[in-house]
Protein backbone atom coordinates (compact mmCIF):
# COMPACT_ATOMS: atom_id res chain seq x y z
CA MET A 1 0.00 0.00 0.00
CA LYS A 2 1.34 3.44 -0.91
CA ILE A 3 0.51 6.81 0.61
CA SER A 4 1.34 10.03 -1.22
CA GLU A 5 0.58 13.59 -0.15
CA GLN A 6 2.42 16.90 -0.07
CA ALA A 7 3.24 18.62 3.20
CA SER A 8 0.99 21.49 4.23
CA GLY A 9 1.93 24.96 3.03
CA SER A 10 0.87 26.56 6.31
CA GLU A 11 3.50 28.67 8.03
CA SER A 12 1.86 28.42 11.46
CA THR A 13 3.31 26.59 14.45
CA VAL A 14 2.06 23.00 14.56
CA GLN A 15 2.27 19.95 16.80
CA ILE A 16 3.86 16.78 15.43
CA PRO A 17 5.12 13.46 16.84
CA LEU A 18 8.90 13.12 16.98
CA PHE A 19 11.01 10.09 16.12
CA PRO A 20 14.55 10.71 17.51
CA LEU A 21 17.17 8.71 15.59
CA HIS A 22 20.91 8.37 15.19
CA THR A 23 20.54 9.66 11.65
CA VAL A 24 19.87 12.92 9.81
CA LEU A 25 16.99 12.98 7.34
CA PHE A 26 17.20 15.49 4.48
CA PRO A 27 14.33 16.93 2.42
CA GLY A 28 13.69 14.61 -0.51
CA GLY A 29 15.80 11.81 0.96
CA PRO A 30 14.75 8.20 1.65
CA LEU A 31 14.53 6.67 5.11
CA PRO A 32 13.81 2.96 5.74
CA LEU A 33 12.81 2.12 9.31
CA ARG A 34 12.20 -1.04 11.32
CA ILE A 35 9.40 -0.38 13.82
CA PHE A 36 9.10 -2.45 16.98
CA GLU A 37 8.44 -0.19 19.99
CA ARG A 38 4.72 0.06 20.75
CA ARG A 39 4.79 3.88 20.90
CA TYR A 40 6.13 4.06 17.34
CA VAL A 41 3.87 1.30 16.00
CA ASP A 42 0.91 3.36 17.23
CA MET A 43 2.44 6.54 15.76
CA VAL A 44 2.91 4.91 12.35
CA ARG A 45 -0.66 3.59 12.34
CA ARG A 46 -1.99 7.05 13.18
CA CYS A 47 0.15 8.73 10.51
CA MET A 48 -1.04 6.25 7.90
CA ARG A 49 -4.67 6.59 8.94
CA GLU A 50 -4.53 10.40 8.91
CA GLN A 51 -2.00 10.58 6.04
CA SER A 52 0.14 12.82 8.21
CA CYS A 53 3.88 13.16 8.85
CA PHE A 54 6.14 12.70 11.83
CA GLY A 55 9.36 14.56 12.62
CA VAL A 56 12.84 13.01 12.55
CA VAL A 57 15.45 14.65 14.80
CA LEU A 58 19.05 13.66 15.46
CA ILE A 59 19.81 12.23 18.91
CA ASN A 60 22.63 14.14 20.59
CA THR A 61 22.77 11.99 23.72
CA GLY A 62 20.80 8.83 24.43
CA ASN A 63 19.69 5.73 22.58
CA GLU A 64 17.01 5.12 19.96
CA VAL A 65 15.29 2.63 22.26
CA GLY A 66 13.98 4.05 25.52
CA PRO A 67 14.35 7.62 26.82
CA VAL A 68 16.32 10.23 24.90
CA SER A 69 18.33 12.84 26.82
CA SER A 70 18.94 15.42 24.08
CA THR A 71 18.13 15.97 20.41
CA ALA A 72 18.90 18.54 17.74
CA ASP A 73 16.46 21.43 17.45
CA VAL A 74 16.25 21.25 13.64
CA GLY A 75 14.77 18.21 11.92
CA THR A 76 12.82 17.08 8.87
CA THR A 77 9.31 15.72 8.55
CA ALA A 78 9.03 12.17 7.18
CA ARG A 79 6.17 10.97 4.98
CA ILE A 80 5.41 7.22 4.93
CA ILE A 81 5.33 6.09 1.29
CA ASP A 82 5.35 2.32 1.76
CA PHE A 83 5.01 -0.30 4.48
CA TYR A 84 5.58 -4.05 4.64
CA GLN A 85 6.17 -6.96 6.99
CA LEU A 86 9.83 -7.81 7.55
CA PRO A 87 11.13 -11.40 7.61
CA ASP A 88 11.26 -11.24 11.42
CA GLY A 89 7.57 -10.29 11.51
CA LEU A 90 8.15 -6.66 12.49
CA LEU A 91 6.78 -3.64 10.65
CA GLY A 92 9.01 -2.04 8.03
CA ILE A 93 8.29 1.36 6.52
CA THR A 94 9.90 3.50 3.83
CA CYS A 95 9.68 7.26 4.33
CA ARG A 96 10.67 10.32 2.36
CA GLY A 97 11.95 13.54 3.89
CA GLU A 98 9.75 16.57 3.24
CA ARG A 99 10.15 19.79 5.19
CA ARG A 100 12.63 21.20 7.69
CA PHE A 101 11.37 22.44 11.05
CA ARG A 102 12.68 23.92 14.29
CA VAL A 103 11.50 22.58 17.65
CA VAL A 104 9.99 25.26 19.89
CA ARG A 105 8.79 23.02 22.70
CA ARG A 106 8.84 19.27 23.33
CA TRP A 107 7.22 16.88 25.78
CA GLN A 108 6.41 13.20 26.18
CA GLN A 109 3.09 11.36 26.34
CA PRO A 110 2.42 8.75 29.05
CA ASP A 111 3.10 6.01 26.46
CA GLY A 112 6.57 7.45 25.83
CA LEU A 113 5.88 9.05 22.45
CA ASN A 114 7.74 12.32 21.99
CA LEU A 115 5.73 15.29 20.78
CA ALA A 116 6.86 18.77 19.76
CA GLU A 117 5.53 22.16 18.82
CA VAL A 118 7.50 23.24 15.75
CA THR A 119 7.83 26.11 13.32
CA TRP A 120 8.56 25.52 9.65
CA LEU A 121 11.86 26.66 8.22
CA ALA A 122 11.82 28.32 4.82
CA PRO A 123 11.71 25.82 1.93
CA GLU A 124 14.93 25.50 -0.02
CA PRO A 125 14.63 27.62 -3.19
CA PRO A 126 16.19 26.07 -6.31
CA VAL A 127 19.76 27.30 -6.75
CA ASP A 128 21.56 26.70 -10.04
CA LEU A 129 24.50 24.33 -9.68
CA PRO A 130 27.69 26.35 -10.37
CA VAL A 131 29.73 25.27 -13.37
CA GLN A 132 32.71 24.42 -11.16
CA TYR A 133 30.59 21.83 -9.36
CA ALA A 134 29.02 20.24 -12.42
CA HIS A 135 31.12 17.13 -11.71
CA LEU A 136 29.19 16.63 -8.45
CA GLY A 137 25.93 16.38 -10.36
CA GLN A 138 27.55 13.98 -12.80
CA LEU A 139 28.82 11.88 -9.90
CA LEU A 140 25.29 11.50 -8.56
CA ARG A 141 23.98 10.61 -12.03
CA GLN A 142 26.37 7.66 -11.96
CA VAL A 143 25.90 6.64 -8.33
CA LEU A 144 22.13 6.85 -7.72
CA PRO A 145 21.13 4.13 -10.24
CA ARG A 146 23.44 1.73 -8.38
CA LEU A 147 21.77 2.23 -5.01
CA GLY A 148 18.80 -0.01 -5.65
CA GLU A 149 15.13 0.29 -4.88
CA LEU A 150 15.50 2.87 -2.10
CA TYR A 151 16.49 5.56 -4.61
CA GLN A 152 14.39 4.45 -7.58
CA GLY A 153 11.46 6.77 -6.94
CA LEU A 154 13.58 9.75 -5.93
CA ALA A 155 13.01 12.94 -7.93
CA ARG A 156 16.16 13.94 -9.79
CA ARG A 157 17.31 17.59 -9.79
CA PHE A 158 20.88 17.40 -10.99
CA ASP A 159 21.02 21.13 -11.75
CA ASP A 160 19.89 22.21 -8.24
CA ALA A 161 22.70 22.94 -5.77
CA SER A 162 20.45 22.38 -2.72
CA TRP A 163 19.35 18.97 -3.96
CA ILE A 164 22.92 17.98 -4.87
CA GLY A 165 24.18 19.06 -1.44
CA TYR A 166 21.53 17.08 0.42
CA ARG A 167 22.14 13.91 -1.59
CA LEU A 168 25.90 14.10 -1.11
CA ALA A 169 25.51 14.78 2.61
CA GLU A 170 23.29 11.74 3.12
CA LEU A 171 25.49 9.42 1.02
CA LEU A 172 29.00 10.42 2.07
CA PRO A 173 30.49 8.95 5.29
CA LEU A 174 30.35 12.24 7.15
CA SER A 175 29.99 12.54 10.91
CA LEU A 176 26.46 13.06 12.21
CA PRO A 177 27.31 16.59 13.46
CA ASP A 178 28.52 17.46 9.95
CA LYS A 179 25.32 16.09 8.42
CA GLN A 180 23.27 18.10 10.91
CA TYR A 181 25.30 21.19 10.03
CA CYS A 182 24.38 20.68 6.37
CA LEU A 183 20.70 20.34 7.24
CA GLU A 184 20.74 23.64 9.11
CA MET A 185 22.71 25.59 6.49
CA GLU A 186 20.90 28.20 4.42
CA ASP A 187 23.57 28.56 1.71
CA PRO A 188 23.89 25.40 -0.44
CA ILE A 189 26.88 26.78 -2.35
CA ALA A 190 28.82 27.20 0.90
CA TRP A 191 28.09 23.56 1.70
CA LEU A 192 29.33 22.42 -1.73
CA ASP A 193 32.46 24.50 -1.12
CA ARG A 194 33.11 22.28 1.92
CA LEU A 195 32.19 18.97 0.27
CA ALA A 196 33.94 19.30 -3.08
CA PRO A 197 37.53 19.04 -1.70
CA LEU A 198 36.57 15.93 0.31
CA ILE A 199 35.24 14.19 -2.79
CA GLY A 200 38.38 15.15 -4.70
CA GLU A 201 40.53 13.63 -1.96
CA ARG A 202 38.54 10.40 -1.98
CA GLU A 203 38.83 10.11 -5.77
CA GLU A 204 42.62 10.60 -5.52
CA ASP A 205 42.84 7.94 -2.78
CA ASP A 206 40.94 5.50 -4.98
């Protein structure tokens, strides 16, 4: 079963469930999850029933299972686009990142589900990929088809610097703080300025 809907265009503060993870979700990026805690099974069922999103935030301190001590303030909403039963009988879902948000206030329900009041961050306007970074777009043209089903349905915007920066940040073996830094940046060209030398170094090492 597939669910498809665009995020709301409202700029008002809203309440959403939070799913703290040891990962950074970027707008437009894929996120497969294995769901086993009751609080998140219930959250997924509610999101699917209401065709709504949940928020993914990076865990700063704490574990994915049980209580979380600290999370990043900026995250991305995740839209469930597919679900299935895993070989071990647990629920598997595939999500797609949609919209960045900033947490204003957070609390926890009696069942342990984290909730937050959030404000939307400005959507990323398309930014033309500079000529000097055309090779980064070409690199993704070659790499994405090799990544299997997870990236098959992903919209391609090889001439958009924001899109290129997000895809490189999620695919490269960067530290989680560096990935979070990319998510919070407002200037995609500045991020490509940081990434391009790293990719050049890796190509030389190979």
